[in-house]
């Protein structure tokens, strides 16, 4: 008697898929992604996809186009579907979509499980992610730091320039969607010029760009206060950012190595010493 082989269909995610896809990731200990999926489905620069088998979602992937650079993220395959090449096919579908949108460079953060898949797709190691964490603080009711203030719309061009310098990417569309006076703080100098920014997201996470580690630490202190005493504040840097890592360790932050940042395609003109936090693994 012959064996029936059921193949997966890889297609664009639609709004009705978000809860099922997020539940798949929750059950796989991949974190909470529902709010991100809902947001991503409204963004023209972001392409979430799913792998479906017999009406059931068994895999996910997300591509984010930042000008000529794209991010590959949220690559996940249900445990019972692993080992048959589905992860490779989902990754390839995301890469193909990014290339069709003009992304000549693709970036991702790889776990040990995913790294062999990405290496076979042509990715090489660019740097290593380093996570930092520290206990939160109570809301600060004392004197405020005069060089930290809420984002104003007139700051946007300066934030965009800092972001492009640090990441080597054009995240204009993402920044327009996520940087607001209620979500974003800026570090400024004596003449009120922007020296760094911290943008929180509707999901857990937030980008922090600051060329000077002292500015980054001042922004992170505000993050600790917003986290509260019952939580843990986080930061994310690159291993090559030795000055930033030293500053965080000296301030009592605890360091833990994370995944590797990998690249495929054209080289990236970036400054990792200015990166102290990411929106998430699908946006950088």
C-alpha atoms as a PDB file:
ATOM      1  CA  UNK A   1       0.000   0.000   0.000  1.00  0.00           C
ATOM      2  CA  UNK A   2       1.386   3.406  -0.963  1.00  0.00           C
ATOM      3  CA  UNK A   3       2.186   6.176   1.487  1.00  0.00           C
ATOM      4  CA  UNK A   4       0.243   9.463   1.302  1.00  0.00           C
ATOM      5  CA  UNK A   5       2.542  12.507   1.519  1.00  0.00           C
ATOM      6  CA  UNK A   6       0.914  15.786   2.525  1.00  0.00           C
ATOM      7  CA  UNK A   7       2.850  18.893   1.556  1.00  0.00           C
ATOM      8  CA  UNK A   8       2.669  22.263   3.243  1.00  0.00           C
ATOM      9  CA  UNK A   9       1.414  25.435   1.579  1.00  0.00           C
ATOM     10  CA  UNK A  10       3.494  28.533   2.291  1.00  0.00           C
ATOM     11  CA  UNK A  11       1.457  31.726   1.938  1.00  0.00           C
ATOM     12  CA  UNK A  12       1.040  35.256   3.245  1.00  0.00           C
ATOM     13  CA  UNK A  13      -0.345  35.546   6.764  1.00  0.00           C
ATOM     14  CA  UNK A  14      -3.784  37.136   7.042  1.00  0.00           C
ATOM     15  CA  UNK A  15      -5.421  38.649  10.103  1.00  0.00           C
ATOM     16  CA  UNK A  16      -7.380  35.504  10.863  1.00  0.00           C
ATOM     17  CA  UNK A  17      -4.098  33.563  11.181  1.00  0.00           C
ATOM     18  CA  UNK A  18      -2.570  35.717  13.913  1.00  0.00           C
ATOM     19  CA  UNK A  19      -4.001  33.962  16.973  1.00  0.00           C
ATOM     20  CA  UNK A  20      -3.284  30.448  15.704  1.00  0.00           C
ATOM     21  CA  UNK A  21       0.257  31.411  14.653  1.00  0.00           C
ATOM     22  CA  UNK A  22       0.935  33.081  18.005  1.00  0.00           C
ATOM     23  CA  UNK A  23      -0.401  30.030  19.845  1.00  0.00           C
ATOM     24  CA  UNK A  24       1.944  27.786  17.856  1.00  0.00           C
ATOM     25  CA  UNK A  25       4.882  29.907  19.018  1.00  0.00           C
ATOM     26  CA  UNK A  26       3.676  29.998  22.618  1.00  0.00           C
ATOM     27  CA  UNK A  27       3.425  26.199  22.734  1.00  0.00           C
ATOM     28  CA  UNK A  28       6.914  26.006  21.275  1.00  0.00           C
ATOM     29  CA  UNK A  29       8.378  28.345  23.948  1.00  0.00           C
ATOM     30  CA  UNK A  30       9.192  30.889  21.235  1.00  0.00           C
ATOM     31  CA  UNK A  31       7.712  33.820  23.136  1.00  0.00           C
ATOM     32  CA  UNK A  32       4.587  35.941  22.796  1.00  0.00           C
ATOM     33  CA  UNK A  33       4.085  37.285  19.255  1.00  0.00           C
ATOM     34  CA  UNK A  34       0.366  38.083  18.998  1.00  0.00           C
ATOM     35  CA  UNK A  35       0.679  41.862  19.386  1.00  0.00           C
ATOM     36  CA  UNK A  36       3.588  41.893  16.946  1.00  0.00           C
ATOM     37  CA  UNK A  37       1.660  39.888  14.355  1.00  0.00           C
ATOM     38  CA  UNK A  38      -1.339  42.207  14.624  1.00  0.00           C
ATOM     39  CA  UNK A  39       0.920  45.224  14.160  1.00  0.00           C
ATOM     40  CA  UNK A  40       3.007  43.669  11.367  1.00  0.00           C
ATOM     41  CA  UNK A  41      -0.110  42.872   9.327  1.00  0.00           C
ATOM     42  CA  UNK A  42      -0.811  46.622   9.088  1.00  0.00           C
ATOM     43  CA  UNK A  43       2.689  47.519   7.866  1.00  0.00           C
ATOM     44  CA  UNK A  44       3.492  47.589   4.122  1.00  0.00           C
ATOM     45  CA  UNK A  45       7.214  47.022   4.717  1.00  0.00           C
ATOM     46  CA  UNK A  46       6.652  43.779   6.646  1.00  0.00           C
ATOM     47  CA  UNK A  47       5.653  40.412   5.184  1.00  0.00           C
ATOM     48  CA  UNK A  48       4.559  37.737   7.683  1.00  0.00           C
ATOM     49  CA  UNK A  49       4.006  34.272   6.194  1.00  0.00           C
ATOM     50  CA  UNK A  50       2.702  30.943   7.430  1.00  0.00           C
ATOM     51  CA  UNK A  51       3.157  27.321   6.431  1.00  0.00           C
ATOM     52  CA  UNK A  52      -0.154  25.498   6.432  1.00  0.00           C
ATOM     53  CA  UNK A  53      -0.853  21.775   6.333  1.00  0.00           C
ATOM     54  CA  UNK A  54      -4.387  20.381   6.105  1.00  0.00           C
ATOM     55  CA  UNK A  55      -5.811  23.673   7.352  1.00  0.00           C
ATOM     56  CA  UNK A  56      -3.440  23.923  10.330  1.00  0.00           C
ATOM     57  CA  UNK A  57      -0.581  26.411  10.716  1.00  0.00           C
ATOM     58  CA  UNK A  58       2.686  24.513  11.215  1.00  0.00           C
ATOM     59  CA  UNK A  59       5.276  27.238  10.562  1.00  0.00           C
ATOM     60  CA  UNK A  60       5.855  30.986  10.521  1.00  0.00           C
ATOM     61  CA  UNK A  61       8.296  33.521   9.111  1.00  0.00           C
ATOM     62  CA  UNK A  62       8.564  37.300   8.824  1.00  0.00           C
ATOM     63  CA  UNK A  63      10.492  39.501   6.424  1.00  0.00           C
ATOM     64  CA  UNK A  64      10.994  43.232   7.064  1.00  0.00           C
ATOM     65  CA  UNK A  65      12.256  45.452   4.240  1.00  0.00           C
ATOM     66  CA  UNK A  66      14.407  48.366   5.390  1.00  0.00           C
ATOM     67  CA  UNK A  67      15.390  49.950   2.104  1.00  0.00           C
ATOM     68  CA  UNK A  68      18.068  47.784   0.506  1.00  0.00           C
ATOM     69  CA  UNK A  69      18.429  45.722   3.706  1.00  0.00           C
ATOM     70  CA  UNK A  70      15.919  43.182   4.955  1.00  0.00           C
ATOM     71  CA  UNK A  71      15.469  41.219   8.174  1.00  0.00           C
ATOM     72  CA  UNK A  72      14.493  37.554   8.348  1.00  0.00           C
ATOM     73  CA  UNK A  73      12.804  36.612  11.614  1.00  0.00           C
ATOM     74  CA  UNK A  74      10.260  34.554  13.555  1.00  0.00           C
ATOM     75  CA  UNK A  75      11.256  31.427  11.614  1.00  0.00           C
ATOM     76  CA  UNK A  76       9.496  28.647  13.488  1.00  0.00           C
ATOM     77  CA  UNK A  77       8.370  25.131  12.579  1.00  0.00           C
ATOM     78  CA  UNK A  78       6.119  22.918  14.691  1.00  0.00           C
ATOM     79  CA  UNK A  79       8.248  20.236  16.398  1.00  0.00           C
ATOM     80  CA  UNK A  80       6.471  17.372  14.642  1.00  0.00           C
ATOM     81  CA  UNK A  81       7.224  18.941  11.240  1.00  0.00           C
ATOM     82  CA  UNK A  82      10.963  19.435  11.762  1.00  0.00           C
ATOM     83  CA  UNK A  83      13.608  17.499   9.884  1.00  0.00           C
ATOM     84  CA  UNK A  84      11.834  17.517   6.539  1.00  0.00           C
ATOM     85  CA  UNK A  85      13.141  20.793   5.160  1.00  0.00           C
ATOM     86  CA  UNK A  86      10.173  23.004   6.065  1.00  0.00           C
ATOM     87  CA  UNK A  87      12.365  25.485   7.970  1.00  0.00           C
ATOM     88  CA  UNK A  88      14.568  25.818   4.902  1.00  0.00           C
ATOM     89  CA  UNK A  89      11.558  26.389   2.643  1.00  0.00           C
ATOM     90  CA  UNK A  90      10.040  29.016   4.935  1.00  0.00           C
ATOM     91  CA  UNK A  91      13.392  30.809   5.155  1.00  0.00           C
ATOM     92  CA  UNK A  92      13.747  30.697   1.371  1.00  0.00           C
ATOM     93  CA  UNK A  93      10.250  32.134   0.926  1.00  0.00           C
ATOM     94  CA  UNK A  94      11.109  35.081   3.191  1.00  0.00           C
ATOM     95  CA  UNK A  95      14.416  35.681   1.382  1.00  0.00           C
ATOM     96  CA  UNK A  96      12.723  35.556  -2.030  1.00  0.00           C
ATOM     97  CA  UNK A  97      10.145  38.120  -0.920  1.00  0.00           C
ATOM     98  CA  UNK A  98      12.832  40.453   0.438  1.00  0.00           C
ATOM     99  CA  UNK A  99      14.878  40.167  -2.741  1.00  0.00           C
ATOM    100  CA  UNK A 100      11.779  40.934  -4.813  1.00  0.00           C
ATOM    101  CA  UNK A 101      11.405  44.116  -2.757  1.00  0.00           C
ATOM    102  CA  UNK A 102      14.976  45.185  -3.522  1.00  0.00           C
ATOM    103  CA  UNK A 103      16.750  44.022  -0.356  1.00  0.00           C
ATOM    104  CA  UNK A 104      20.241  43.128  -1.528  1.00  0.00           C
ATOM    105  CA  UNK A 105      21.343  42.395   2.047  1.00  0.00           C
ATOM    106  CA  UNK A 106      19.521  40.123   4.485  1.00  0.00           C
ATOM    107  CA  UNK A 107      20.170  39.951   8.219  1.00  0.00           C
ATOM    108  CA  UNK A 108      18.923  37.668  10.974  1.00  0.00           C
ATOM    109  CA  UNK A 109      19.661  36.526  14.518  1.00  0.00           C
ATOM    110  CA  UNK A 110      20.219  32.780  14.615  1.00  0.00           C
ATOM    111  CA  UNK A 111      19.729  30.319  17.423  1.00  0.00           C
ATOM    112  CA  UNK A 112      22.007  27.252  17.572  1.00  0.00           C
ATOM    113  CA  UNK A 113      19.148  25.182  16.074  1.00  0.00           C
ATOM    114  CA  UNK A 114      18.574  27.564  13.189  1.00  0.00           C
ATOM    115  CA  UNK A 115      22.166  28.416  12.352  1.00  0.00           C
ATOM    116  CA  UNK A 116      22.843  25.375  10.107  1.00  0.00           C
ATOM    117  CA  UNK A 117      19.729  26.167   8.052  1.00  0.00           C
ATOM    118  CA  UNK A 118      20.841  29.745   7.537  1.00  0.00           C
ATOM    119  CA  UNK A 119      24.403  28.767   6.690  1.00  0.00           C
ATOM    120  CA  UNK A 120      23.081  26.502   3.946  1.00  0.00           C
ATOM    121  CA  UNK A 121      21.082  29.479   2.651  1.00  0.00           C
ATOM    122  CA  UNK A 122      24.284  31.527   2.326  1.00  0.00           C
ATOM    123  CA  UNK A 123      24.341  33.450   5.620  1.00  0.00           C
ATOM    124  CA  UNK A 124      27.638  34.058   7.438  1.00  0.00           C
ATOM    125  CA  UNK A 125      28.316  35.308  10.965  1.00  0.00           C
ATOM    126  CA  UNK A 126      28.449  39.086  11.272  1.00  0.00           C
ATOM    127  CA  UNK A 127      28.628  39.483  15.065  1.00  0.00           C
ATOM    128  CA  UNK A 128      27.270  37.917  18.236  1.00  0.00           C
ATOM    129  CA  UNK A 129      24.316  39.248  20.195  1.00  0.00           C
ATOM    130  CA  UNK A 130      24.812  39.917  23.902  1.00  0.00           C
ATOM    131  CA  UNK A 131      21.840  40.261  26.235  1.00  0.00           C
ATOM    132  CA  UNK A 132      21.936  42.297  29.439  1.00  0.00           C
ATOM    133  CA  UNK A 133      19.403  42.378  32.272  1.00  0.00           C
ATOM    134  CA  UNK A 134      18.983  44.128  35.601  1.00  0.00           C
ATOM    135  CA  UNK A 135      16.264  44.529  38.215  1.00  0.00           C
ATOM    136  CA  UNK A 136      13.747  47.273  37.577  1.00  0.00           C
ATOM    137  CA  UNK A 137      13.450  50.409  39.703  1.00  0.00           C
ATOM    138  CA  UNK A 138      10.458  52.126  41.296  1.00  0.00           C
ATOM    139  CA  UNK A 139       9.068  55.069  39.334  1.00  0.00           C
ATOM    140  CA  UNK A 140      11.449  57.967  39.875  1.00  0.00           C
ATOM    141  CA  UNK A 141       9.719  60.753  41.784  1.00  0.00           C
ATOM    142  CA  UNK A 142      12.956  62.684  42.345  1.00  0.00           C
ATOM    143  CA  UNK A 143      14.697  65.211  40.093  1.00  0.00           C
ATOM    144  CA  UNK A 144      14.508  64.282  36.423  1.00  0.00           C
ATOM    145  CA  UNK A 145      17.559  64.036  34.198  1.00  0.00           C
ATOM    146  CA  UNK A 146      17.589  67.323  32.243  1.00  0.00           C
ATOM    147  CA  UNK A 147      19.215  65.595  29.265  1.00  0.00           C
ATOM    148  CA  UNK A 148      16.457  63.006  28.849  1.00  0.00           C
ATOM    149  CA  UNK A 149      13.095  64.149  27.501  1.00  0.00           C
ATOM    150  CA  UNK A 150      10.150  62.922  25.459  1.00  0.00           C
ATOM    151  CA  UNK A 151      10.490  62.762  21.690  1.00  0.00           C
ATOM    152  CA  UNK A 152       9.166  65.745  19.729  1.00  0.00           C
ATOM    153  CA  UNK A 153       8.196  65.523  16.074  1.00  0.00           C
ATOM    154  CA  UNK A 154      11.019  67.940  15.238  1.00  0.00           C
ATOM    155  CA  UNK A 155      13.491  65.279  16.484  1.00  0.00           C
ATOM    156  CA  UNK A 156      12.560  62.735  13.825  1.00  0.00           C
ATOM    157  CA  UNK A 157      15.207  63.584  11.224  1.00  0.00           C
ATOM    158  CA  UNK A 158      17.944  63.410  13.868  1.00  0.00           C
ATOM    159  CA  UNK A 159      16.675  60.030  15.091  1.00  0.00           C
ATOM    160  CA  UNK A 160      16.536  58.708  11.532  1.00  0.00           C
ATOM    161  CA  UNK A 161      20.122  59.831  10.884  1.00  0.00           C
ATOM    162  CA  UNK A 162      21.384  58.208  14.102  1.00  0.00           C
ATOM    163  CA  UNK A 163      19.524  55.017  13.293  1.00  0.00           C
ATOM    164  CA  UNK A 164      20.964  54.818   9.772  1.00  0.00           C
ATOM    165  CA  UNK A 165      24.474  55.450  11.107  1.00  0.00           C
ATOM    166  CA  UNK A 166      24.234  52.684  13.716  1.00  0.00           C
ATOM    167  CA  UNK A 167      22.312  50.000  11.833  1.00  0.00           C
ATOM    168  CA  UNK A 168      23.356  50.684   8.240  1.00  0.00           C
ATOM    169  CA  UNK A 169      19.674  50.284   7.344  1.00  0.00           C
ATOM    170  CA  UNK A 170      16.890  52.577   6.175  1.00  0.00           C
ATOM    171  CA  UNK A 171      14.224  51.978   8.831  1.00  0.00           C
ATOM    172  CA  UNK A 172      12.209  55.065   7.905  1.00  0.00           C
ATOM    173  CA  UNK A 173       8.872  53.233   7.595  1.00  0.00           C
ATOM    174  CA  UNK A 174       9.301  51.324  10.863  1.00  0.00           C
ATOM    175  CA  UNK A 175      10.437  54.412  12.762  1.00  0.00           C
ATOM    176  CA  UNK A 176       7.495  56.453  11.478  1.00  0.00           C
ATOM    177  CA  UNK A 177       5.160  53.764  12.785  1.00  0.00           C
ATOM    178  CA  UNK A 178       6.792  53.239  16.194  1.00  0.00           C
ATOM    179  CA  UNK A 179       8.432  56.524  17.242  1.00  0.00           C
ATOM    180  CA  UNK A 180       5.899  58.758  18.988  1.00  0.00           C
ATOM    181  CA  UNK A 181       5.967  61.223  21.916  1.00  0.00           C
ATOM    182  CA  UNK A 182       4.325  58.609  24.153  1.00  0.00           C
ATOM    183  CA  UNK A 183       6.638  55.723  23.189  1.00  0.00           C
ATOM    184  CA  UNK A 184      10.015  57.394  22.743  1.00  0.00           C
ATOM    185  CA  UNK A 185      12.620  59.187  24.849  1.00  0.00           C
ATOM    186  CA  UNK A 186      15.636  61.075  23.539  1.00  0.00           C
ATOM    187  CA  UNK A 187      18.980  61.909  25.086  1.00  0.00           C
ATOM    188  CA  UNK A 188      20.073  65.461  24.256  1.00  0.00           C
ATOM    189  CA  UNK A 189      23.114  67.667  24.748  1.00  0.00           C
ATOM    190  CA  UNK A 190      23.303  71.147  26.326  1.00  0.00           C
ATOM    191  CA  UNK A 191      21.869  72.687  23.148  1.00  0.00           C
ATOM    192  CA  UNK A 192      18.990  70.178  23.013  1.00  0.00           C
ATOM    193  CA  UNK A 193      20.429  68.256  20.059  1.00  0.00           C
ATOM    194  CA  UNK A 194      19.487  64.584  19.929  1.00  0.00           C
ATOM    195  CA  UNK A 195      22.302  62.197  20.885  1.00  0.00           C
ATOM    196  CA  UNK A 196      20.314  58.975  21.244  1.00  0.00           C
ATOM    197  CA  UNK A 197      16.822  57.529  21.432  1.00  0.00           C
ATOM    198  CA  UNK A 198      14.850  54.761  23.138  1.00  0.00           C
ATOM    199  CA  UNK A 199      11.626  53.679  21.414  1.00  0.00           C
ATOM    200  CA  UNK A 200       9.333  51.197  23.158  1.00  0.00           C
ATOM    201  CA  UNK A 201       7.000  48.969  21.151  1.00  0.00           C
ATOM    202  CA  UNK A 202       3.408  47.736  21.665  1.00  0.00           C
ATOM    203  CA  UNK A 203       4.967  44.351  22.383  1.00  0.00           C
ATOM    204  CA  UNK A 204       7.879  43.692  24.744  1.00  0.00           C
ATOM    205  CA  UNK A 205      11.047  45.240  23.363  1.00  0.00           C
ATOM    206  CA  UNK A 206      12.436  48.543  22.211  1.00  0.00           C
ATOM    207  CA  UNK A 207      15.173  49.981  20.052  1.00  0.00           C
ATOM    208  CA  UNK A 208      17.935  51.970  21.716  1.00  0.00           C
ATOM    209  CA  UNK A 209      20.481  53.785  19.578  1.00  0.00           C
ATOM    210  CA  UNK A 210      23.181  55.969  21.147  1.00  0.00           C
ATOM    211  CA  UNK A 211      26.769  56.466  19.957  1.00  0.00           C
ATOM    212  CA  UNK A 212      27.889  57.359  23.519  1.00  0.00           C
ATOM    213  CA  UNK A 213      27.507  54.620  26.188  1.00  0.00           C
ATOM    214  CA  UNK A 214      26.804  57.281  28.826  1.00  0.00           C
ATOM    215  CA  UNK A 215      23.738  58.435  26.878  1.00  0.00           C
ATOM    216  CA  UNK A 216      22.647  54.825  26.477  1.00  0.00           C
ATOM    217  CA  UNK A 217      22.936  54.201  30.218  1.00  0.00           C
ATOM    218  CA  UNK A 218      20.879  57.303  31.047  1.00  0.00           C
ATOM    219  CA  UNK A 219      18.136  56.112  28.700  1.00  0.00           C
ATOM    220  CA  UNK A 220      18.335  52.629  30.206  1.00  0.00           C
ATOM    221  CA  UNK A 221      17.871  54.048  33.691  1.00  0.00           C
ATOM    222  CA  UNK A 222      14.539  55.451  32.519  1.00  0.00           C
ATOM    223  CA  UNK A 223      13.701  52.015  31.116  1.00  0.00           C
ATOM    224  CA  UNK A 224      14.433  50.506  34.536  1.00  0.00           C
ATOM    225  CA  UNK A 225      12.058  52.979  36.189  1.00  0.00           C
ATOM    226  CA  UNK A 226       9.279  52.171  33.722  1.00  0.00           C
ATOM    227  CA  UNK A 227       9.848  48.432  34.301  1.00  0.00           C
ATOM    228  CA  UNK A 228       9.144  48.706  38.035  1.00  0.00           C
ATOM    229  CA  UNK A 229      10.590  46.784  40.959  1.00  0.00           C
ATOM    230  CA  UNK A 230       8.790  43.544  40.082  1.00  0.00           C
ATOM    231  CA  UNK A 231      10.333  43.259  36.609  1.00  0.00           C
ATOM    232  CA  UNK A 232      13.648  42.983  34.828  1.00  0.00           C
ATOM    233  CA  UNK A 233      14.893  45.594  32.381  1.00  0.00           C
ATOM    234  CA  UNK A 234      16.783  44.417  29.319  1.00  0.00           C
ATOM    235  CA  UNK A 235      19.294  45.684  26.805  1.00  0.00           C
ATOM    236  CA  UNK A 236      20.877  44.132  23.733  1.00  0.00           C
ATOM    237  CA  UNK A 237      24.295  44.950  22.289  1.00  0.00           C
ATOM    238  CA  UNK A 238      26.759  43.372  19.895  1.00  0.00           C
ATOM    239  CA  UNK A 239      29.819  41.525  21.165  1.00  0.00           C
ATOM    240  CA  UNK A 240      32.104  43.901  19.256  1.00  0.00           C
ATOM    241  CA  UNK A 241      30.738  46.823  21.308  1.00  0.00           C
ATOM    242  CA  UNK A 242      33.312  46.382  24.055  1.00  0.00           C
ATOM    243  CA  UNK A 243      32.921  49.935  25.422  1.00  0.00           C
ATOM    244  CA  UNK A 244      29.179  49.476  25.764  1.00  0.00           C
ATOM    245  CA  UNK A 245      29.530  46.071  27.373  1.00  0.00           C
ATOM    246  CA  UNK A 246      32.092  47.405  29.860  1.00  0.00           C
ATOM    247  CA  UNK A 247      29.829  50.340  30.753  1.00  0.00           C
ATOM    248  CA  UNK A 248      26.820  48.095  31.327  1.00  0.00           C
ATOM    249  CA  UNK A 249      28.800  45.639  33.450  1.00  0.00           C
ATOM    250  CA  UNK A 250      30.220  48.507  35.520  1.00  0.00           C
ATOM    251  CA  UNK A 251      26.667  49.744  36.133  1.00  0.00           C
ATOM    252  CA  UNK A 252      25.594  46.349  37.476  1.00  0.00           C
ATOM    253  CA  UNK A 253      23.911  44.867  34.411  1.00  0.00           C
ATOM    254  CA  UNK A 254      24.235  41.091  34.015  1.00  0.00           C
ATOM    255  CA  UNK A 255      25.608  39.809  30.703  1.00  0.00           C
ATOM    256  CA  UNK A 256      24.500  36.706  28.813  1.00  0.00           C
ATOM    257  CA  UNK A 257      25.548  35.687  25.316  1.00  0.00           C
ATOM    258  CA  UNK A 258      22.703  35.323  22.857  1.00  0.00           C
ATOM    259  CA  UNK A 259      22.444  34.156  19.261  1.00  0.00           C
ATOM    260  CA  UNK A 260      24.632  35.168  16.366  1.00  0.00           C
ATOM    261  CA  UNK A 261      23.799  37.978  13.961  1.00  0.00           C
ATOM    262  CA  UNK A 262      24.204  36.673  10.422  1.00  0.00           C
ATOM    263  CA  UNK A 263      24.304  38.344   7.015  1.00  0.00           C
ATOM    264  CA  UNK A 264      23.711  37.340   3.423  1.00  0.00           C
ATOM    265  CA  UNK A 265      24.345  39.408   0.302  1.00  0.00           C
ATOM    266  CA  UNK A 266      26.078  42.773   0.110  1.00  0.00           C
ATOM    267  CA  UNK A 267      28.217  44.043   3.027  1.00  0.00           C
ATOM    268  CA  UNK A 268      26.628  46.264   5.658  1.00  0.00           C
ATOM    269  CA  UNK A 269      28.009  49.740   6.450  1.00  0.00           C
ATOM    270  CA  UNK A 270      27.084  49.970  10.111  1.00  0.00           C
ATOM    271  CA  UNK A 271      28.355  50.988  13.566  1.00  0.00           C
ATOM    272  CA  UNK A 272      27.393  48.292  16.092  1.00  0.00           C
ATOM    273  CA  UNK A 273      28.879  50.335  18.932  1.00  0.00           C
ATOM    274  CA  UNK A 274      25.764  52.535  18.743  1.00  0.00           C
ATOM    275  CA  UNK A 275      23.210  49.699  19.213  1.00  0.00           C
ATOM    276  CA  UNK A 276      21.916  49.038  22.748  1.00  0.00           C
ATOM    277  CA  UNK A 277      18.507  47.525  22.043  1.00  0.00           C
ATOM    278  CA  UNK A 278      16.377  46.019  19.267  1.00  0.00           C
ATOM    279  CA  UNK A 279      12.700  46.296  18.359  1.00  0.00           C
ATOM    280  CA  UNK A 280      12.749  42.504  18.031  1.00  0.00           C
ATOM    281  CA  UNK A 281      14.390  39.733  16.038  1.00  0.00           C
ATOM    282  CA  UNK A 282      12.357  40.481  12.911  1.00  0.00           C
ATOM    283  CA  UNK A 283      13.012  44.239  12.795  1.00  0.00           C
ATOM    284  CA  UNK A 284      16.479  44.669  14.286  1.00  0.00           C
END
